[in-house]
Amino acid sequence: GRVAERQAELEGLEAQLGRTEVRAPADGVVVFADVNDWQGRPVS
Protein backbone atom coordinates (compact mmCIF):
# COMPACT_ATOMS: atom_id res chain seq x y z
CA GLY A 1 0.00 0.00 0.00
CA ARG A 2 2.88 2.37 0.71
CA VAL A 3 4.37 1.60 -2.70
CA ALA A 4 1.05 2.42 -4.37
CA GLU A 5 0.83 5.65 -2.38
CA ARG A 6 4.34 6.72 -3.45
CA GLN A 7 3.55 5.79 -7.04
CA ALA A 8 0.36 7.91 -7.03
CA GLU A 9 2.25 10.84 -5.51
CA LEU A 10 4.92 10.60 -8.21
CA GLU A 11 2.32 10.42 -10.99
CA GLY A 12 0.59 13.51 -9.59
CA LEU A 13 3.85 15.47 -9.60
CA GLU A 14 4.57 14.33 -13.15
CA ALA A 15 1.11 15.56 -14.20
CA GLN A 16 1.73 18.94 -12.57
CA LEU A 17 5.07 19.24 -14.35
CA GLY A 18 3.27 18.59 -17.63
CA ARG A 19 1.00 21.56 -16.92
CA THR A 20 3.77 24.06 -16.26
CA GLU A 21 3.92 24.84 -19.99
CA VAL A 22 0.59 26.27 -21.14
CA ARG A 23 -0.30 25.70 -24.80
CA ALA A 24 -2.95 27.16 -27.08
CA PRO A 25 -6.16 25.09 -27.12
CA ALA A 26 -7.06 26.31 -30.63
CA ASP A 27 -5.98 28.61 -33.44
CA GLY A 28 -6.36 32.34 -32.81
CA VAL A 29 -4.77 35.54 -31.58
CA VAL A 30 -3.36 35.80 -28.06
CA VAL A 31 -4.69 39.00 -26.48
CA PHE A 32 -2.92 40.45 -23.45
CA ALA A 33 -1.33 43.76 -22.52
CA ASP A 34 2.41 43.32 -22.01
CA VAL A 35 4.85 40.50 -21.34
CA ASN A 36 6.57 42.49 -18.60
CA ASP A 37 3.30 42.69 -16.66
CA TRP A 38 3.35 38.90 -16.16
CA GLN A 39 6.96 37.72 -16.08
CA GLY A 40 7.97 36.99 -12.50
CA ARG A 41 4.43 37.52 -11.24
CA PRO A 42 2.84 34.87 -8.98
CA VAL A 43 -0.53 33.60 -10.22
CA SER A 44 -3.18 31.42 -8.60
All heavy atoms as atom14 arrays in JSON, in Angstrom:
{
  "sequence": "GRVAERQAELEGLEAQLGRTEVRAPADGVVVFADVNDWQGRPVS",
  "atom14_mask": [
    [1, 1, 1, 1, 0, 0, 0, 0, 0, 0, 0, 0, 0, 0],
    [1, 1, 1, 1, 1, 1, 1, 1, 1, 1, 1, 0, 0, 0],
    [1, 1, 1, 1, 1, 1, 1, 0, 0, 0, 0, 0, 0, 0],
    [1, 1, 1, 1, 1, 0, 0, 0, 0, 0, 0, 0, 0, 0],
    [1, 1, 1, 1, 1, 1, 1, 1, 1, 0, 0, 0, 0, 0],
    [1, 1, 1, 1, 1, 1, 1, 1, 1, 1, 1, 0, 0, 0],
    [1, 1, 1, 1, 1, 1, 1, 1, 1, 0, 0, 0, 0, 0],
    [1, 1, 1, 1, 1, 0, 0, 0, 0, 0, 0, 0, 0, 0],
    [1, 1, 1, 1, 1, 1, 1, 1, 1, 0, 0, 0, 0, 0],
    [1, 1, 1, 1, 1, 1, 1, 1, 0, 0, 0, 0, 0, 0],
    [1, 1, 1, 1, 1, 1, 1, 1, 1, 0, 0, 0, 0, 0],
    [1, 1, 1, 1, 0, 0, 0, 0, 0, 0, 0, 0, 0, 0],
    [1, 1, 1, 1, 1, 1, 1, 1, 0, 0, 0, 0, 0, 0],
    [1, 1, 1, 1, 1, 1, 1, 1, 1, 0, 0, 0, 0, 0],
    [1, 1, 1, 1, 1, 0, 0, 0, 0, 0, 0, 0, 0, 0],
    [1, 1, 1, 1, 1, 1, 1, 1, 1, 0, 0, 0, 0, 0],
    [1, 1, 1, 1, 1, 1, 1, 1, 0, 0, 0, 0, 0, 0],
    [1, 1, 1, 1, 0, 0, 0, 0, 0, 0, 0, 0, 0, 0],
    [1, 1, 1, 1, 1, 1, 1, 1, 1, 1, 1, 0, 0, 0],
    [1, 1, 1, 1, 1, 1, 1, 0, 0, 0, 0, 0, 0, 0],
    [1, 1, 1, 1, 1, 1, 1, 1, 1, 0, 0, 0, 0, 0],
    [1, 1, 1, 1, 1, 1, 1, 0, 0, 0, 0, 0, 0, 0],
    [1, 1, 1, 1, 1, 1, 1, 1, 1, 1, 1, 0, 0, 0],
    [1, 1, 1, 1, 1, 0, 0, 0, 0, 0, 0, 0, 0, 0],
    [1, 1, 1, 1, 1, 1, 1, 0, 0, 0, 0, 0, 0, 0],
    [1, 1, 1, 1, 1, 0, 0, 0, 0, 0, 0, 0, 0, 0],
    [1, 1, 1, 1, 1, 1, 1, 1, 0, 0, 0, 0, 0, 0],
    [1, 1, 1, 1, 0, 0, 0, 0, 0, 0, 0, 0, 0, 0],
    [1, 1, 1, 1, 1, 1, 1, 0, 0, 0, 0, 0, 0, 0],
    [1, 1, 1, 1, 1, 1, 1, 0, 0, 0, 0, 0, 0, 0],
    [1, 1, 1, 1, 1, 1, 1, 0, 0, 0, 0, 0, 0, 0],
    [1, 1, 1, 1, 1, 1, 1, 1, 1, 1, 1, 0, 0, 0],
    [1, 1, 1, 1, 1, 0, 0, 0, 0, 0, 0, 0, 0, 0],
    [1, 1, 1, 1, 1, 1, 1, 1, 0, 0, 0, 0, 0, 0],
    [1, 1, 1, 1, 1, 1, 1, 0, 0, 0, 0, 0, 0, 0],
    [1, 1, 1, 1, 1, 1, 1, 1, 0, 0, 0, 0, 0, 0],
    [1, 1, 1, 1, 1, 1, 1, 1, 0, 0, 0, 0, 0, 0],
    [1, 1, 1, 1, 1, 1, 1, 1, 1, 1, 1, 1, 1, 1],
    [1, 1, 1, 1, 1, 1, 1, 1, 1, 0, 0, 0, 0, 0],
    [1, 1, 1, 1, 0, 0, 0, 0, 0, 0, 0, 0, 0, 0],
    [1, 1, 1, 1, 1, 1, 1, 1, 1, 1, 1, 0, 0, 0],
    [1, 1, 1, 1, 1, 1, 1, 0, 0, 0, 0, 0, 0, 0],
    [1, 1, 1, 1, 1, 1, 1, 0, 0, 0, 0, 0, 0, 0],
    [1, 1, 1, 1, 1, 1, 0, 0, 0, 0, 0, 0, 0, 0]
  ],
  "atom14_positions": [
    [[0.82, -1.21, 0.0], [0.0, 0.0, 0.0], [0.85, 1.25, 0.0], [0.52, 2.25, -0.66], [0.0, 0.0, 0.0], [0.0, 0.0, 0.0], [0.0, 0.0, 0.0], [0.0, 0.0, 0.0], [0.0, 0.0, 0.0], [0.0, 0.0, 0.0], [0.0, 0.0, 0.0], [0.0, 0.0, 0.0], [0.0, 0.0, 0.0], [0.0, 0.0, 0.0]],
    [[1.97, 1.22, 0.71], [2.88, 2.37, 0.71], [3.5, 2.58, -0.67], [3.68, 3.71, -1.12], [3.96, 2.18, 1.77], [4.89, 3.37, 1.91], [5.89, 3.14, 3.03], [5.19, 2.96, 4.32], [5.82, 2.67, 5.45], [7.14, 2.5, 5.46], [5.13, 2.52, 6.56], [0.0, 0.0, 0.0], [0.0, 0.0, 0.0], [0.0, 0.0, 0.0]],
    [[3.83, 1.49, -1.33], [4.37, 1.6, -2.7], [3.35, 2.25, -3.62], [3.68, 3.14, -4.43], [4.79, 0.21, -3.22], [5.14, 0.29, -4.71], [5.98, -0.31, -2.44], [0.0, 0.0, 0.0], [0.0, 0.0, 0.0], [0.0, 0.0, 0.0], [0.0, 0.0, 0.0], [0.0, 0.0, 0.0], [0.0, 0.0, 0.0], [0.0, 0.0, 0.0]],
    [[2.09, 1.82, -3.54], [1.05, 2.42, -4.37], [0.87, 3.9, -4.05], [0.64, 4.73, -4.95], [-0.27, 1.67, -4.17], [0.0, 0.0, 0.0], [0.0, 0.0, 0.0], [0.0, 0.0, 0.0], [0.0, 0.0, 0.0], [0.0, 0.0, 0.0], [0.0, 0.0, 0.0], [0.0, 0.0, 0.0], [0.0, 0.0, 0.0], [0.0, 0.0, 0.0]],
    [[0.97, 4.24, -2.77], [0.83, 5.65, -2.38], [1.96, 6.49, -2.97], [1.73, 7.58, -3.51], [0.83, 5.74, -0.86], [0.69, 7.17, -0.34], [0.76, 7.24, 1.18], [0.83, 6.17, 1.83], [0.77, 8.37, 1.7], [0.0, 0.0, 0.0], [0.0, 0.0, 0.0], [0.0, 0.0, 0.0], [0.0, 0.0, 0.0], [0.0, 0.0, 0.0]],
    [[3.2, 6.0, -2.88], [4.34, 6.72, -3.45], [4.22, 6.83, -4.96], [4.57, 7.85, -5.56], [5.64, 6.03, -3.07], [5.92, 5.95, -1.57], [5.96, 7.31, -0.93], [6.31, 7.22, 0.48], [6.23, 8.25, 1.34], [5.8, 9.42, 0.91], [6.56, 8.09, 2.6], [0.0, 0.0, 0.0], [0.0, 0.0, 0.0], [0.0, 0.0, 0.0]],
    [[3.71, 5.77, -5.59], [3.55, 5.79, -7.04], [2.52, 6.83, -7.45], [2.72, 7.58, -8.41], [3.11, 4.4, -7.52], [2.93, 4.28, -9.02], [4.23, 4.39, -9.79], [5.28, 3.94, -9.3], [4.2, 5.0, -10.97], [0.0, 0.0, 0.0], [0.0, 0.0, 0.0], [0.0, 0.0, 0.0], [0.0, 0.0, 0.0], [0.0, 0.0, 0.0]],
    [[1.39, 6.92, -6.72], [0.36, 7.91, -7.03], [0.88, 9.34, -6.82], [0.59, 10.25, -7.6], [-0.87, 7.67, -6.16], [0.0, 0.0, 0.0], [0.0, 0.0, 0.0], [0.0, 0.0, 0.0], [0.0, 0.0, 0.0], [0.0, 0.0, 0.0], [0.0, 0.0, 0.0], [0.0, 0.0, 0.0], [0.0, 0.0, 0.0], [0.0, 0.0, 0.0]],
    [[1.68, 9.52, -5.77], [2.25, 10.84, -5.51], [3.19, 11.25, -6.64], [3.16, 12.4, -7.11], [2.98, 10.84, -4.18], [3.57, 12.19, -3.8], [4.3, 12.15, -2.47], [4.27, 11.07, -1.8], [4.9, 13.16, -2.09], [0.0, 0.0, 0.0], [0.0, 0.0, 0.0], [0.0, 0.0, 0.0], [0.0, 0.0, 0.0], [0.0, 0.0, 0.0]],
    [[4.01, 10.3, -7.11], [4.92, 10.6, -8.21], [4.16, 10.91, -9.5], [4.51, 11.85, -10.23], [5.87, 9.42, -8.43], [6.89, 9.57, -9.55], [7.8, 10.75, -9.3], [7.7, 8.28, -9.72], [0.0, 0.0, 0.0], [0.0, 0.0, 0.0], [0.0, 0.0, 0.0], [0.0, 0.0, 0.0], [0.0, 0.0, 0.0], [0.0, 0.0, 0.0]],
    [[3.11, 10.16, -9.78], [2.32, 10.42, -10.99], [1.64, 11.8, -10.91], [1.53, 12.5, -11.92], [1.28, 9.32, -11.16], [1.88, 7.98, -11.54], [0.83, 6.89, -11.59], [-0.35, 7.19, -11.26], [1.16, 5.74, -11.96], [0.0, 0.0, 0.0], [0.0, 0.0, 0.0], [0.0, 0.0, 0.0], [0.0, 0.0, 0.0], [0.0, 0.0, 0.0]],
    [[1.19, 12.18, -9.73], [0.59, 13.51, -9.59], [1.59, 14.63, -9.84], [1.27, 15.63, -10.49], [0.0, 0.0, 0.0], [0.0, 0.0, 0.0], [0.0, 0.0, 0.0], [0.0, 0.0, 0.0], [0.0, 0.0, 0.0], [0.0, 0.0, 0.0], [0.0, 0.0, 0.0], [0.0, 0.0, 0.0], [0.0, 0.0, 0.0], [0.0, 0.0, 0.0]],
    [[2.82, 14.47, -9.35], [3.85, 15.47, -9.6], [4.23, 15.52, -11.07], [4.47, 16.61, -11.62], [5.07, 15.17, -8.74], [4.89, 15.37, -7.23], [6.11, 14.86, -6.47], [4.65, 16.85, -6.92], [0.0, 0.0, 0.0], [0.0, 0.0, 0.0], [0.0, 0.0, 0.0], [0.0, 0.0, 0.0], [0.0, 0.0, 0.0], [0.0, 0.0, 0.0]],
    [[4.27, 14.35, -11.72], [4.57, 14.33, -13.15], [3.47, 15.06, -13.94], [3.75, 15.79, -14.9], [4.69, 12.89, -13.64], [5.9, 12.13, -13.11], [7.2, 12.57, -13.77], [7.15, 13.42, -14.68], [8.26, 12.06, -13.37], [0.0, 0.0, 0.0], [0.0, 0.0, 0.0], [0.0, 0.0, 0.0], [0.0, 0.0, 0.0], [0.0, 0.0, 0.0]],
    [[2.21, 14.87, -13.53], [1.11, 15.56, -14.2], [1.21, 17.07, -14.0], [0.95, 17.85, -14.93], [-0.22, 15.03, -13.69], [0.0, 0.0, 0.0], [0.0, 0.0, 0.0], [0.0, 0.0, 0.0], [0.0, 0.0, 0.0], [0.0, 0.0, 0.0], [0.0, 0.0, 0.0], [0.0, 0.0, 0.0], [0.0, 0.0, 0.0], [0.0, 0.0, 0.0]],
    [[1.57, 17.51, -12.81], [1.73, 18.94, -12.57], [2.88, 19.52, -13.39], [2.77, 20.64, -13.92], [1.98, 19.2, -11.08], [0.74, 18.99, -10.22], [0.98, 19.37, -8.77], [2.14, 19.53, -8.35], [-0.09, 19.5, -8.01], [0.0, 0.0, 0.0], [0.0, 0.0, 0.0], [0.0, 0.0, 0.0], [0.0, 0.0, 0.0], [0.0, 0.0, 0.0]],
    [[3.96, 18.77, -13.52], [5.07, 19.24, -14.35], [4.65, 19.37, -15.81], [5.12, 20.25, -16.53], [6.26, 18.29, -14.22], [7.12, 18.44, -12.96], [8.11, 17.3, -12.84], [7.83, 19.79, -12.98], [0.0, 0.0, 0.0], [0.0, 0.0, 0.0], [0.0, 0.0, 0.0], [0.0, 0.0, 0.0], [0.0, 0.0, 0.0], [0.0, 0.0, 0.0]],
    [[3.75, 18.49, -16.25], [3.27, 18.59, -17.63], [2.39, 19.8, -17.86], [2.2, 20.2, -19.02], [0.0, 0.0, 0.0], [0.0, 0.0, 0.0], [0.0, 0.0, 0.0], [0.0, 0.0, 0.0], [0.0, 0.0, 0.0], [0.0, 0.0, 0.0], [0.0, 0.0, 0.0], [0.0, 0.0, 0.0], [0.0, 0.0, 0.0], [0.0, 0.0, 0.0]],
    [[1.86, 20.38, -16.78], [1.0, 21.56, -16.92], [1.75, 22.87, -16.72], [1.14, 23.93, -16.79], [-0.16, 21.49, -15.93], [-1.12, 20.35, -16.18], [-2.46, 20.6, -15.5], [-2.31, 20.78, -14.06], [-2.41, 19.79, -13.17], [-2.62, 18.55, -13.58], [-2.29, 20.03, -11.88], [0.0, 0.0, 0.0], [0.0, 0.0, 0.0], [0.0, 0.0, 0.0]],
    [[3.03, 22.82, -16.46], [3.77, 24.06, -16.26], [3.92, 24.85, -17.56], [4.09, 26.06, -17.53], [5.16, 23.78, -15.67], [5.84, 22.84, -16.52], [5.04, 23.22, -14.27], [0.0, 0.0, 0.0], [0.0, 0.0, 0.0], [0.0, 0.0, 0.0], [0.0, 0.0, 0.0], [0.0, 0.0, 0.0], [0.0, 0.0, 0.0], [0.0, 0.0, 0.0]],
    [[3.88, 24.16, -18.7], [3.92, 24.84, -19.99], [2.51, 24.88, -20.56], [1.93, 23.85, -20.88], [4.86, 24.14, -20.96], [5.05, 24.92, -22.26], [6.08, 24.28, -23.17], [6.0, 23.06, -23.38], [6.96, 25.0, -23.67], [0.0, 0.0, 0.0], [0.0, 0.0, 0.0], [0.0, 0.0, 0.0], [0.0, 0.0, 0.0], [0.0, 0.0, 0.0]],
    [[1.97, 26.09, -20.67], [0.59, 26.27, -21.14], [0.62, 26.43, -22.65], [1.4, 27.24, -23.19], [-0.05, 27.5, -20.47], [-1.48, 27.7, -20.97], [-0.03, 27.34, -18.95], [0.0, 0.0, 0.0], [0.0, 0.0, 0.0], [0.0, 0.0, 0.0], [0.0, 0.0, 0.0], [0.0, 0.0, 0.0], [0.0, 0.0, 0.0], [0.0, 0.0, 0.0]],
    [[-0.24, 25.68, -23.34], [-0.3, 25.7, -24.8], [-1.67, 26.2, -25.27], [-2.64, 26.19, -24.51], [-0.02, 24.31, -25.38], [1.39, 23.83, -25.09], [1.65, 22.45, -25.64], [3.05, 22.06, -25.47], [4.0, 22.32, -26.36], [3.69, 22.95, -27.5], [5.25, 21.96, -26.15], [0.0, 0.0, 0.0], [0.0, 0.0, 0.0], [0.0, 0.0, 0.0]],
    [[-1.71, 26.63, -26.51], [-2.95, 27.16, -27.08], [-3.93, 26.03, -27.35], [-3.59, 25.05, -28.01], [-2.65, 27.92, -28.37], [0.0, 0.0, 0.0], [0.0, 0.0, 0.0], [0.0, 0.0, 0.0], [0.0, 0.0, 0.0], [0.0, 0.0, 0.0], [0.0, 0.0, 0.0], [0.0, 0.0, 0.0], [0.0, 0.0, 0.0], [0.0, 0.0, 0.0]],
    [[-5.17, 26.14, -26.86], [-6.16, 25.09, -27.12], [-6.73, 25.11, -28.53], [-7.38, 24.16, -28.94], [-7.25, 25.38, -26.07], [-7.13, 26.84, -25.81], [-5.69, 27.19, -25.97], [0.0, 0.0, 0.0], [0.0, 0.0, 0.0], [0.0, 0.0, 0.0], [0.0, 0.0, 0.0], [0.0, 0.0, 0.0], [0.0, 0.0, 0.0], [0.0, 0.0, 0.0]],
    [[-6.52, 26.2, -29.27], [-7.06, 26.31, -30.63], [-6.29, 27.39, -31.36], [-5.42, 28.06, -30.8], [-8.56, 26.63, -30.6], [0.0, 0.0, 0.0], [0.0, 0.0, 0.0], [0.0, 0.0, 0.0], [0.0, 0.0, 0.0], [0.0, 0.0, 0.0], [0.0, 0.0, 0.0], [0.0, 0.0, 0.0], [0.0, 0.0, 0.0], [0.0, 0.0, 0.0]],
    [[-6.58, 27.55, -32.66], [-5.98, 28.61, -33.44], [-6.61, 29.95, -33.05], [-7.8, 30.02, -32.7], [-6.2, 28.38, -34.94], [-5.56, 27.09, -35.42], [-4.73, 26.54, -34.66], [-5.88, 26.65, -36.54], [0.0, 0.0, 0.0], [0.0, 0.0, 0.0], [0.0, 0.0, 0.0], [0.0, 0.0, 0.0], [0.0, 0.0, 0.0], [0.0, 0.0, 0.0]],
    [[-5.82, 31.03, -33.12], [-6.36, 32.34, -32.81], [-5.27, 33.36, -32.54], [-4.09, 33.14, -32.86], [0.0, 0.0, 0.0], [0.0, 0.0, 0.0], [0.0, 0.0, 0.0], [0.0, 0.0, 0.0], [0.0, 0.0, 0.0], [0.0, 0.0, 0.0], [0.0, 0.0, 0.0], [0.0, 0.0, 0.0], [0.0, 0.0, 0.0], [0.0, 0.0, 0.0]],
    [[-5.68, 34.45, -31.94], [-4.77, 35.54, -31.58], [-4.73, 35.66, -30.06], [-5.78, 35.69, -29.41], [-5.24, 36.88, -32.2], [-4.38, 38.04, -31.71], [-5.18, 36.79, -33.72], [0.0, 0.0, 0.0], [0.0, 0.0, 0.0], [0.0, 0.0, 0.0], [0.0, 0.0, 0.0], [0.0, 0.0, 0.0], [0.0, 0.0, 0.0], [0.0, 0.0, 0.0]],
    [[-3.53, 35.7, -29.51], [-3.36, 35.8, -28.06], [-3.44, 37.28, -27.68], [-2.62, 38.09, -28.11], [-2.02, 35.2, -27.62], [-1.91, 35.2, -26.1], [-1.87, 33.8, -28.15], [0.0, 0.0, 0.0], [0.0, 0.0, 0.0], [0.0, 0.0, 0.0], [0.0, 0.0, 0.0], [0.0, 0.0, 0.0], [0.0, 0.0, 0.0], [0.0, 0.0, 0.0]],
    [[-4.44, 37.61, -26.86], [-4.69, 39.0, -26.48], [-4.3, 39.19, -25.02], [-4.89, 38.58, -24.13], [-6.18, 39.37, -26.69], [-6.41, 40.82, -26.32], [-6.59, 39.11, -28.14], [0.0, 0.0, 0.0], [0.0, 0.0, 0.0], [0.0, 0.0, 0.0], [0.0, 0.0, 0.0], [0.0, 0.0, 0.0], [0.0, 0.0, 0.0], [0.0, 0.0, 0.0]],
    [[-3.28, 40.0, -24.79], [-2.92, 40.45, -23.45], [-2.12, 41.73, -23.58], [-1.74, 42.13, -24.69], [-2.15, 39.37, -22.67], [-0.81, 38.99, -23.26], [0.35, 39.52, -22.76], [-0.73, 38.09, -24.33], [1.58, 39.17, -23.29], [0.48, 37.73, -24.86], [1.64, 38.27, -24.35], [0.0, 0.0, 0.0], [0.0, 0.0, 0.0], [0.0, 0.0, 0.0]],
    [[-1.89, 42.4, -22.47], [-1.33, 43.76, -22.52], [0.17, 43.76, -22.81], [0.61, 44.24, -23.84], [-1.63, 44.49, -21.2], [0.0, 0.0, 0.0], [0.0, 0.0, 0.0], [0.0, 0.0, 0.0], [0.0, 0.0, 0.0], [0.0, 0.0, 0.0], [0.0, 0.0, 0.0], [0.0, 0.0, 0.0], [0.0, 0.0, 0.0], [0.0, 0.0, 0.0]],
    [[0.95, 43.21, -21.89], [2.41, 43.32, -22.01], [3.04, 42.12, -21.33], [2.58, 41.66, -20.28], [2.89, 44.62, -21.36], [4.35, 44.91, -21.65], [4.96, 44.17, -22.46], [4.9, 45.87, -21.08], [0.0, 0.0, 0.0], [0.0, 0.0, 0.0], [0.0, 0.0, 0.0], [0.0, 0.0, 0.0], [0.0, 0.0, 0.0], [0.0, 0.0, 0.0]],
    [[4.12, 41.63, -21.93], [4.85, 40.5, -21.34], [5.43, 40.87, -19.98], [5.4, 40.07, -19.04], [5.95, 40.04, -22.31], [6.83, 38.98, -21.65], [5.35, 39.5, -23.6], [0.0, 0.0, 0.0], [0.0, 0.0, 0.0], [0.0, 0.0, 0.0], [0.0, 0.0, 0.0], [0.0, 0.0, 0.0], [0.0, 0.0, 0.0], [0.0, 0.0, 0.0]],
    [[5.94, 42.08, -19.86], [6.57, 42.49, -18.6], [5.59, 42.58, -17.44], [6.02, 42.58, -16.28], [7.25, 43.85, -18.79], [8.38, 43.78, -19.81], [9.1, 42.79, -19.88], [8.55, 44.83, -20.6], [0.0, 0.0, 0.0], [0.0, 0.0, 0.0], [0.0, 0.0, 0.0], [0.0, 0.0, 0.0], [0.0, 0.0, 0.0], [0.0, 0.0, 0.0]],
    [[4.29, 42.67, -17.74], [3.3, 42.69, -16.66], [3.13, 41.33, -16.0], [2.6, 41.24, -14.88], [1.94, 43.15, -17.2], [1.96, 44.6, -17.65], [2.87, 45.33, -17.21], [1.07, 45.0, -18.43], [0.0, 0.0, 0.0], [0.0, 0.0, 0.0], [0.0, 0.0, 0.0], [0.0, 0.0, 0.0], [0.0, 0.0, 0.0], [0.0, 0.0, 0.0]],
    [[3.58, 40.26, -16.66], [3.35, 38.9, -16.16], [4.61, 38.16, -15.77], [4.57, 37.29, -14.9], [2.59, 38.09, -17.21], [1.19, 38.56, -17.43], [0.72, 39.34, -18.44], [0.07, 38.29, -16.59], [-0.62, 39.57, -18.29], [-1.04, 38.93, -17.17], [-0.11, 37.56, -15.42], [-2.32, 38.87, -16.58], [-1.37, 37.5, -14.85], [-2.45, 38.14, -15.43]],
    [[5.73, 38.46, -16.4], [6.96, 37.72, -16.08], [7.37, 37.98, -14.63], [7.47, 39.13, -14.2], [8.08, 38.13, -17.02], [7.98, 37.49, -18.4], [9.18, 37.8, -19.28], [9.89, 38.78, -19.05], [9.4, 37.0, -20.29], [0.0, 0.0, 0.0], [0.0, 0.0, 0.0], [0.0, 0.0, 0.0], [0.0, 0.0, 0.0], [0.0, 0.0, 0.0]],
    [[7.59, 36.89, -13.9], [7.97, 36.99, -12.5], [6.81, 37.25, -11.57], [7.02, 37.41, -10.36], [0.0, 0.0, 0.0], [0.0, 0.0, 0.0], [0.0, 0.0, 0.0], [0.0, 0.0, 0.0], [0.0, 0.0, 0.0], [0.0, 0.0, 0.0], [0.0, 0.0, 0.0], [0.0, 0.0, 0.0], [0.0, 0.0, 0.0], [0.0, 0.0, 0.0]],
    [[5.6, 37.24, -12.07], [4.43, 37.52, -11.24], [3.8, 36.22, -10.76], [3.55, 35.32, -11.56], [3.42, 38.33, -12.04], [2.09, 38.55, -11.34], [1.19, 39.42, -12.19], [-0.17, 39.42, -11.69], [-1.16, 40.13, -12.23], [-0.92, 40.88, -13.3], [-2.37, 40.08, -11.73], [0.0, 0.0, 0.0], [0.0, 0.0, 0.0], [0.0, 0.0, 0.0]],
    [[3.52, 36.08, -9.46], [2.84, 34.87, -8.98], [1.36, 34.89, -9.39], [0.7, 35.92, -9.33], [3.01, 34.94, -7.47], [3.2, 36.4, -7.17], [3.91, 36.98, -8.36], [0.0, 0.0, 0.0], [0.0, 0.0, 0.0], [0.0, 0.0, 0.0], [0.0, 0.0, 0.0], [0.0, 0.0, 0.0], [0.0, 0.0, 0.0], [0.0, 0.0, 0.0]],
    [[0.87, 33.74, -9.8], [-0.53, 33.6, -10.22], [-1.14, 32.44, -9.44], [-0.44, 31.53, -8.98], [-0.66, 33.35, -11.73], [-0.23, 34.58, -12.51], [0.16, 32.15, -12.16], [0.0, 0.0, 0.0], [0.0, 0.0, 0.0], [0.0, 0.0, 0.0], [0.0, 0.0, 0.0], [0.0, 0.0, 0.0], [0.0, 0.0, 0.0], [0.0, 0.0, 0.0]],
    [[-2.45, 32.49, -9.29], [-3.18, 31.42, -8.6], [-3.95, 30.59, -9.61], [-4.15, 31.0, -10.76], [-4.13, 32.01, -7.57], [-5.02, 32.94, -8.18], [0.0, 0.0, 0.0], [0.0, 0.0, 0.0], [0.0, 0.0, 0.0], [0.0, 0.0, 0.0], [0.0, 0.0, 0.0], [0.0, 0.0, 0.0], [0.0, 0.0, 0.0], [0.0, 0.0, 0.0]]
  ]
}
